[in-house]
């Protein structure tokens, strides 16, 4: 089997119900050559429950693209960096465990990356009512407040070189990471369409 094109890295902590919806949205992607690494830094009991209830069912059904990586790191961004070192694909995406993707997310994002050769590709998304009071479309752009870690593909080597910013400023690490890429004049491209939901 060939190496995957995309590694989705999901950091989760005690939220199996949310995670189940995200994993289902990945399972139905039209682009199927991906892997999903789930990092879990919750209690051992919760970890075993997640491993048994979700991923065991997938394994029994012949699903091999999803795997669980136990993390002892407290911060979800640290856990994501750990998974990035273990990733098999040249492109990374960092969904939160309560995101949802349209079935053509991977296909459209990958096509945009391949046609532009940009090491960073992003797209518009729906933002949930907790921020706006209603579902609203965010016109994504490579800046703080207009991009989210779940809505971009980034070259794995570039990510490992730059990493999430230190010290951590929880909630805007993704924007600060993108700001650093813009300081370095990293080429970027925007994929067409509203391709995911940020919950």
C-alpha atoms as a PDB file:
ATOM      1  CA  UNK A   1       0.000   0.000   0.000  1.00  0.00           C
ATOM      2  CA  UNK A   2       1.292   3.463  -0.870  1.00  0.00           C
ATOM      3  CA  UNK A   3       1.981   6.121   1.731  1.00  0.00           C
ATOM      4  CA  UNK A   4      -0.996   8.331   2.585  1.00  0.00           C
ATOM      5  CA  UNK A   5      -1.343  11.791   1.041  1.00  0.00           C
ATOM      6  CA  UNK A   6      -2.724  13.434   4.206  1.00  0.00           C
ATOM      7  CA  UNK A   7      -2.365  12.724   7.916  1.00  0.00           C
ATOM      8  CA  UNK A   8      -5.264  14.052   9.995  1.00  0.00           C
ATOM      9  CA  UNK A   9      -4.009  14.594  13.557  1.00  0.00           C
ATOM     10  CA  UNK A  10      -6.789  14.778  16.130  1.00  0.00           C
ATOM     11  CA  UNK A  11      -6.086  15.656  19.760  1.00  0.00           C
ATOM     12  CA  UNK A  12      -8.883  14.582  22.083  1.00  0.00           C
ATOM     13  CA  UNK A  13      -9.548  14.601  25.812  1.00  0.00           C
ATOM     14  CA  UNK A  14     -12.635  12.925  27.335  1.00  0.00           C
ATOM     15  CA  UNK A  15     -14.962  13.714  24.392  1.00  0.00           C
ATOM     16  CA  UNK A  16     -15.785  10.409  22.653  1.00  0.00           C
ATOM     17  CA  UNK A  17     -19.218  11.567  21.443  1.00  0.00           C
ATOM     18  CA  UNK A  18     -17.766  14.552  19.598  1.00  0.00           C
ATOM     19  CA  UNK A  19     -14.922  12.472  18.262  1.00  0.00           C
ATOM     20  CA  UNK A  20     -17.281   9.859  16.803  1.00  0.00           C
ATOM     21  CA  UNK A  21     -18.877  12.481  14.526  1.00  0.00           C
ATOM     22  CA  UNK A  22     -15.514  13.734  13.306  1.00  0.00           C
ATOM     23  CA  UNK A  23     -14.267  10.230  12.580  1.00  0.00           C
ATOM     24  CA  UNK A  24     -17.436   9.440  10.632  1.00  0.00           C
ATOM     25  CA  UNK A  25     -16.948  12.583   8.508  1.00  0.00           C
ATOM     26  CA  UNK A  26     -13.423  11.384   7.719  1.00  0.00           C
ATOM     27  CA  UNK A  27     -14.560   7.849   6.922  1.00  0.00           C
ATOM     28  CA  UNK A  28     -16.856   9.132   4.164  1.00  0.00           C
ATOM     29  CA  UNK A  29     -14.227  11.312   2.468  1.00  0.00           C
ATOM     30  CA  UNK A  30     -14.064  10.939  -1.317  1.00  0.00           C
ATOM     31  CA  UNK A  31     -10.274  11.128  -1.035  1.00  0.00           C
ATOM     32  CA  UNK A  32      -9.495   7.859   0.720  1.00  0.00           C
ATOM     33  CA  UNK A  33      -5.686   7.754   0.784  1.00  0.00           C
ATOM     34  CA  UNK A  34      -5.188   9.255   4.234  1.00  0.00           C
ATOM     35  CA  UNK A  35      -4.379   8.252   7.775  1.00  0.00           C
ATOM     36  CA  UNK A  36      -5.843   9.619  10.982  1.00  0.00           C
ATOM     37  CA  UNK A  37      -3.764   9.690  14.154  1.00  0.00           C
ATOM     38  CA  UNK A  38      -5.803  10.320  17.286  1.00  0.00           C
ATOM     39  CA  UNK A  39      -3.819  11.531  20.288  1.00  0.00           C
ATOM     40  CA  UNK A  40      -5.513  11.015  23.619  1.00  0.00           C
ATOM     41  CA  UNK A  41      -4.134  12.457  26.850  1.00  0.00           C
ATOM     42  CA  UNK A  42      -7.096  11.554  29.062  1.00  0.00           C
ATOM     43  CA  UNK A  43      -7.216   9.004  31.868  1.00  0.00           C
ATOM     44  CA  UNK A  44      -6.166   5.425  31.231  1.00  0.00           C
ATOM     45  CA  UNK A  45      -9.774   4.292  31.735  1.00  0.00           C
ATOM     46  CA  UNK A  46     -11.075   6.737  29.137  1.00  0.00           C
ATOM     47  CA  UNK A  47      -8.225   5.851  26.786  1.00  0.00           C
ATOM     48  CA  UNK A  48      -9.034   2.144  26.983  1.00  0.00           C
ATOM     49  CA  UNK A  49     -12.738   2.857  26.468  1.00  0.00           C
ATOM     50  CA  UNK A  50     -12.013   4.964  23.395  1.00  0.00           C
ATOM     51  CA  UNK A  51      -9.590   2.399  22.028  1.00  0.00           C
ATOM     52  CA  UNK A  52     -12.001  -0.471  22.558  1.00  0.00           C
ATOM     53  CA  UNK A  53     -15.340   1.104  21.636  1.00  0.00           C
ATOM     54  CA  UNK A  54     -14.356   3.153  18.611  1.00  0.00           C
ATOM     55  CA  UNK A  55     -11.197   1.913  17.039  1.00  0.00           C
ATOM     56  CA  UNK A  56     -11.815  -1.770  17.755  1.00  0.00           C
ATOM     57  CA  UNK A  57     -15.078  -1.531  15.813  1.00  0.00           C
ATOM     58  CA  UNK A  58     -13.190   0.070  12.923  1.00  0.00           C
ATOM     59  CA  UNK A  59     -10.528  -2.630  12.993  1.00  0.00           C
ATOM     60  CA  UNK A  60     -13.183  -5.353  13.008  1.00  0.00           C
ATOM     61  CA  UNK A  61     -14.727  -3.719   9.930  1.00  0.00           C
ATOM     62  CA  UNK A  62     -11.343  -3.754   8.154  1.00  0.00           C
ATOM     63  CA  UNK A  63     -10.671  -0.027   8.651  1.00  0.00           C
ATOM     64  CA  UNK A  64      -6.919   0.481   8.984  1.00  0.00           C
ATOM     65  CA  UNK A  65      -6.542   4.230   8.373  1.00  0.00           C
ATOM     66  CA  UNK A  66      -7.240   5.237  11.992  1.00  0.00           C
ATOM     67  CA  UNK A  67      -4.872   4.696  14.892  1.00  0.00           C
ATOM     68  CA  UNK A  68      -4.612   5.843  18.470  1.00  0.00           C
ATOM     69  CA  UNK A  69      -1.479   7.364  19.984  1.00  0.00           C
ATOM     70  CA  UNK A  70      -1.360   7.576  23.751  1.00  0.00           C
ATOM     71  CA  UNK A  71      -0.024  10.927  24.924  1.00  0.00           C
ATOM     72  CA  UNK A  72       1.103  11.928  28.393  1.00  0.00           C
ATOM     73  CA  UNK A  73       1.399  15.572  27.308  1.00  0.00           C
ATOM     74  CA  UNK A  74      -1.039  17.985  28.924  1.00  0.00           C
ATOM     75  CA  UNK A  75      -1.513  20.352  25.979  1.00  0.00           C
ATOM     76  CA  UNK A  76      -3.343  19.283  22.815  1.00  0.00           C
ATOM     77  CA  UNK A  77      -0.873  21.232  20.670  1.00  0.00           C
ATOM     78  CA  UNK A  78       2.060  19.351  22.222  1.00  0.00           C
ATOM     79  CA  UNK A  79       0.243  16.087  21.549  1.00  0.00           C
ATOM     80  CA  UNK A  80      -0.297  17.136  17.931  1.00  0.00           C
ATOM     81  CA  UNK A  81       3.425  17.816  17.519  1.00  0.00           C
ATOM     82  CA  UNK A  82       4.153  14.348  18.886  1.00  0.00           C
ATOM     83  CA  UNK A  83       1.818  12.830  16.289  1.00  0.00           C
ATOM     84  CA  UNK A  84       3.328  14.956  13.487  1.00  0.00           C
ATOM     85  CA  UNK A  85       6.697  13.313  14.125  1.00  0.00           C
ATOM     86  CA  UNK A  86       4.992   9.932  13.689  1.00  0.00           C
ATOM     87  CA  UNK A  87       2.907  10.917  10.634  1.00  0.00           C
ATOM     88  CA  UNK A  88       3.353   9.027   7.368  1.00  0.00           C
ATOM     89  CA  UNK A  89       1.970  11.645   4.952  1.00  0.00           C
ATOM     90  CA  UNK A  90       3.673  14.716   3.446  1.00  0.00           C
ATOM     91  CA  UNK A  91       0.688  16.923   4.352  1.00  0.00           C
ATOM     92  CA  UNK A  92      -0.867  17.450   7.778  1.00  0.00           C
ATOM     93  CA  UNK A  93      -4.292  18.627   8.932  1.00  0.00           C
ATOM     94  CA  UNK A  94      -5.151  19.209  12.599  1.00  0.00           C
ATOM     95  CA  UNK A  95      -8.903  18.779  13.203  1.00  0.00           C
ATOM     96  CA  UNK A  96     -10.343  19.393  16.638  1.00  0.00           C
ATOM     97  CA  UNK A  97     -12.371  16.467  17.922  1.00  0.00           C
ATOM     98  CA  UNK A  98     -15.670  18.285  17.331  1.00  0.00           C
ATOM     99  CA  UNK A  99     -15.045  19.433  13.731  1.00  0.00           C
ATOM    100  CA  UNK A 100     -16.989  18.026  10.759  1.00  0.00           C
ATOM    101  CA  UNK A 101     -15.846  17.868   7.149  1.00  0.00           C
ATOM    102  CA  UNK A 102     -17.819  17.787   3.916  1.00  0.00           C
ATOM    103  CA  UNK A 103     -17.086  14.554   2.008  1.00  0.00           C
ATOM    104  CA  UNK A 104     -14.947  16.339  -0.620  1.00  0.00           C
ATOM    105  CA  UNK A 105     -12.764  18.245   1.878  1.00  0.00           C
ATOM    106  CA  UNK A 106      -9.628  16.151   1.355  1.00  0.00           C
ATOM    107  CA  UNK A 107     -10.138  15.850  -2.391  1.00  0.00           C
ATOM    108  CA  UNK A 108     -10.535  19.592  -2.969  1.00  0.00           C
ATOM    109  CA  UNK A 109      -7.776  20.601  -0.562  1.00  0.00           C
ATOM    110  CA  UNK A 110      -5.334  18.118  -2.073  1.00  0.00           C
ATOM    111  CA  UNK A 111      -6.215  19.152  -5.636  1.00  0.00           C
ATOM    112  CA  UNK A 112      -5.557  22.803  -4.702  1.00  0.00           C
ATOM    113  CA  UNK A 113      -2.235  21.906  -3.114  1.00  0.00           C
ATOM    114  CA  UNK A 114      -1.136  19.857  -6.093  1.00  0.00           C
ATOM    115  CA  UNK A 115      -2.133  22.464  -8.652  1.00  0.00           C
ATOM    116  CA  UNK A 116      -0.422  25.323  -6.797  1.00  0.00           C
ATOM    117  CA  UNK A 117       2.401  23.416  -5.047  1.00  0.00           C
ATOM    118  CA  UNK A 118       1.765  25.689  -2.049  1.00  0.00           C
ATOM    119  CA  UNK A 119       2.972  24.251   1.263  1.00  0.00           C
ATOM    120  CA  UNK A 120      -0.071  25.820   2.964  1.00  0.00           C
ATOM    121  CA  UNK A 121      -3.651  25.432   1.712  1.00  0.00           C
ATOM    122  CA  UNK A 122      -6.760  26.602   3.586  1.00  0.00           C
ATOM    123  CA  UNK A 123     -10.495  27.043   2.961  1.00  0.00           C
ATOM    124  CA  UNK A 124     -13.606  28.835   4.193  1.00  0.00           C
ATOM    125  CA  UNK A 125     -15.648  27.240   6.981  1.00  0.00           C
ATOM    126  CA  UNK A 126     -18.794  27.502   9.060  1.00  0.00           C
ATOM    127  CA  UNK A 127     -18.312  28.747  12.603  1.00  0.00           C
ATOM    128  CA  UNK A 128     -20.717  27.542  15.258  1.00  0.00           C
ATOM    129  CA  UNK A 129     -23.286  29.663  17.142  1.00  0.00           C
ATOM    130  CA  UNK A 130     -21.196  29.971  20.322  1.00  0.00           C
ATOM    131  CA  UNK A 131     -19.250  32.822  18.763  1.00  0.00           C
ATOM    132  CA  UNK A 132     -21.728  34.504  16.433  1.00  0.00           C
ATOM    133  CA  UNK A 133     -25.091  33.391  17.822  1.00  0.00           C
ATOM    134  CA  UNK A 134     -25.719  31.575  14.526  1.00  0.00           C
ATOM    135  CA  UNK A 135     -23.788  29.500  12.022  1.00  0.00           C
ATOM    136  CA  UNK A 136     -21.747  31.939   9.972  1.00  0.00           C
ATOM    137  CA  UNK A 137     -19.310  31.547   7.124  1.00  0.00           C
ATOM    138  CA  UNK A 138     -15.749  32.594   7.922  1.00  0.00           C
ATOM    139  CA  UNK A 139     -13.875  33.948   4.913  1.00  0.00           C
ATOM    140  CA  UNK A 140     -10.588  32.227   5.695  1.00  0.00           C
ATOM    141  CA  UNK A 141      -7.311  34.110   5.320  1.00  0.00           C
ATOM    142  CA  UNK A 142      -3.762  33.438   6.574  1.00  0.00           C
ATOM    143  CA  UNK A 143      -4.047  35.515   9.759  1.00  0.00           C
ATOM    144  CA  UNK A 144      -5.119  35.242  13.393  1.00  0.00           C
ATOM    145  CA  UNK A 145      -8.890  35.011  13.729  1.00  0.00           C
ATOM    146  CA  UNK A 146      -9.461  34.002  10.103  1.00  0.00           C
ATOM    147  CA  UNK A 147      -7.921  30.533  10.103  1.00  0.00           C
ATOM    148  CA  UNK A 148      -8.142  27.457  12.302  1.00  0.00           C
ATOM    149  CA  UNK A 149      -5.918  24.405  12.641  1.00  0.00           C
ATOM    150  CA  UNK A 150      -8.719  22.178  11.383  1.00  0.00           C
ATOM    151  CA  UNK A 151      -9.017  24.084   8.121  1.00  0.00           C
ATOM    152  CA  UNK A 152      -5.600  23.936   6.540  1.00  0.00           C
ATOM    153  CA  UNK A 153      -3.148  21.462   5.055  1.00  0.00           C
ATOM    154  CA  UNK A 154       0.502  22.170   5.734  1.00  0.00           C
ATOM    155  CA  UNK A 155       3.679  20.539   4.515  1.00  0.00           C
ATOM    156  CA  UNK A 156       4.857  18.134   7.227  1.00  0.00           C
ATOM    157  CA  UNK A 157       8.541  19.095   6.991  1.00  0.00           C
ATOM    158  CA  UNK A 158       7.640  22.774   7.250  1.00  0.00           C
ATOM    159  CA  UNK A 159       5.431  22.126  10.262  1.00  0.00           C
ATOM    160  CA  UNK A 160       8.153  20.163  12.044  1.00  0.00           C
ATOM    161  CA  UNK A 161      10.623  22.970  11.358  1.00  0.00           C
ATOM    162  CA  UNK A 162       8.364  25.760  12.648  1.00  0.00           C
ATOM    163  CA  UNK A 163       6.071  23.990  15.146  1.00  0.00           C
ATOM    164  CA  UNK A 164       3.430  25.571  17.328  1.00  0.00           C
ATOM    165  CA  UNK A 165       4.573  28.829  18.963  1.00  0.00           C
ATOM    166  CA  UNK A 166       6.146  28.916  22.392  1.00  0.00           C
ATOM    167  CA  UNK A 167       5.141  29.840  24.982  1.00  0.00           C
ATOM    168  CA  UNK A 168       1.668  28.423  24.372  1.00  0.00           C
ATOM    169  CA  UNK A 169      -1.170  30.959  24.235  1.00  0.00           C
ATOM    170  CA  UNK A 170      -4.094  28.569  24.269  1.00  0.00           C
ATOM    171  CA  UNK A 171      -6.642  29.283  21.587  1.00  0.00           C
ATOM    172  CA  UNK A 172      -4.495  31.204  19.099  1.00  0.00           C
ATOM    173  CA  UNK A 173      -1.553  28.857  18.553  1.00  0.00           C
ATOM    174  CA  UNK A 174      -2.808  28.081  15.064  1.00  0.00           C
ATOM    175  CA  UNK A 175      -3.052  31.763  14.142  1.00  0.00           C
ATOM    176  CA  UNK A 176       0.413  32.468  15.553  1.00  0.00           C
ATOM    177  CA  UNK A 177       1.784  29.494  13.607  1.00  0.00           C
ATOM    178  CA  UNK A 178       0.296  30.887  10.389  1.00  0.00           C
ATOM    179  CA  UNK A 179       1.628  34.360  11.212  1.00  0.00           C
ATOM    180  CA  UNK A 180       5.112  32.865  11.481  1.00  0.00           C
ATOM    181  CA  UNK A 181       4.689  31.219   8.079  1.00  0.00           C
ATOM    182  CA  UNK A 182       3.642  34.561   6.587  1.00  0.00           C
ATOM    183  CA  UNK A 183       6.742  36.216   8.103  1.00  0.00           C
ATOM    184  CA  UNK A 184       8.757  33.606   6.225  1.00  0.00           C
ATOM    185  CA  UNK A 185       6.856  34.388   2.989  1.00  0.00           C
ATOM    186  CA  UNK A 186       5.607  30.815   2.713  1.00  0.00           C
ATOM    187  CA  UNK A 187       3.476  30.373  -0.412  1.00  0.00           C
ATOM    188  CA  UNK A 188      -0.188  29.695   0.309  1.00  0.00           C
ATOM    189  CA  UNK A 189      -3.396  28.995  -1.594  1.00  0.00           C
ATOM    190  CA  UNK A 190      -7.095  29.024  -0.826  1.00  0.00           C
ATOM    191  CA  UNK A 191      -9.241  26.080  -1.880  1.00  0.00           C
ATOM    192  CA  UNK A 192     -12.720  26.842  -3.247  1.00  0.00           C
ATOM    193  CA  UNK A 193     -15.826  26.304  -1.152  1.00  0.00           C
ATOM    194  CA  UNK A 194     -16.972  26.107   2.447  1.00  0.00           C
ATOM    195  CA  UNK A 195     -15.554  22.715   3.298  1.00  0.00           C
ATOM    196  CA  UNK A 196     -15.901  22.155   7.038  1.00  0.00           C
ATOM    197  CA  UNK A 197     -17.701  23.091  10.265  1.00  0.00           C
ATOM    198  CA  UNK A 198     -15.887  24.436  13.319  1.00  0.00           C
ATOM    199  CA  UNK A 199     -17.929  23.468  16.397  1.00  0.00           C
END
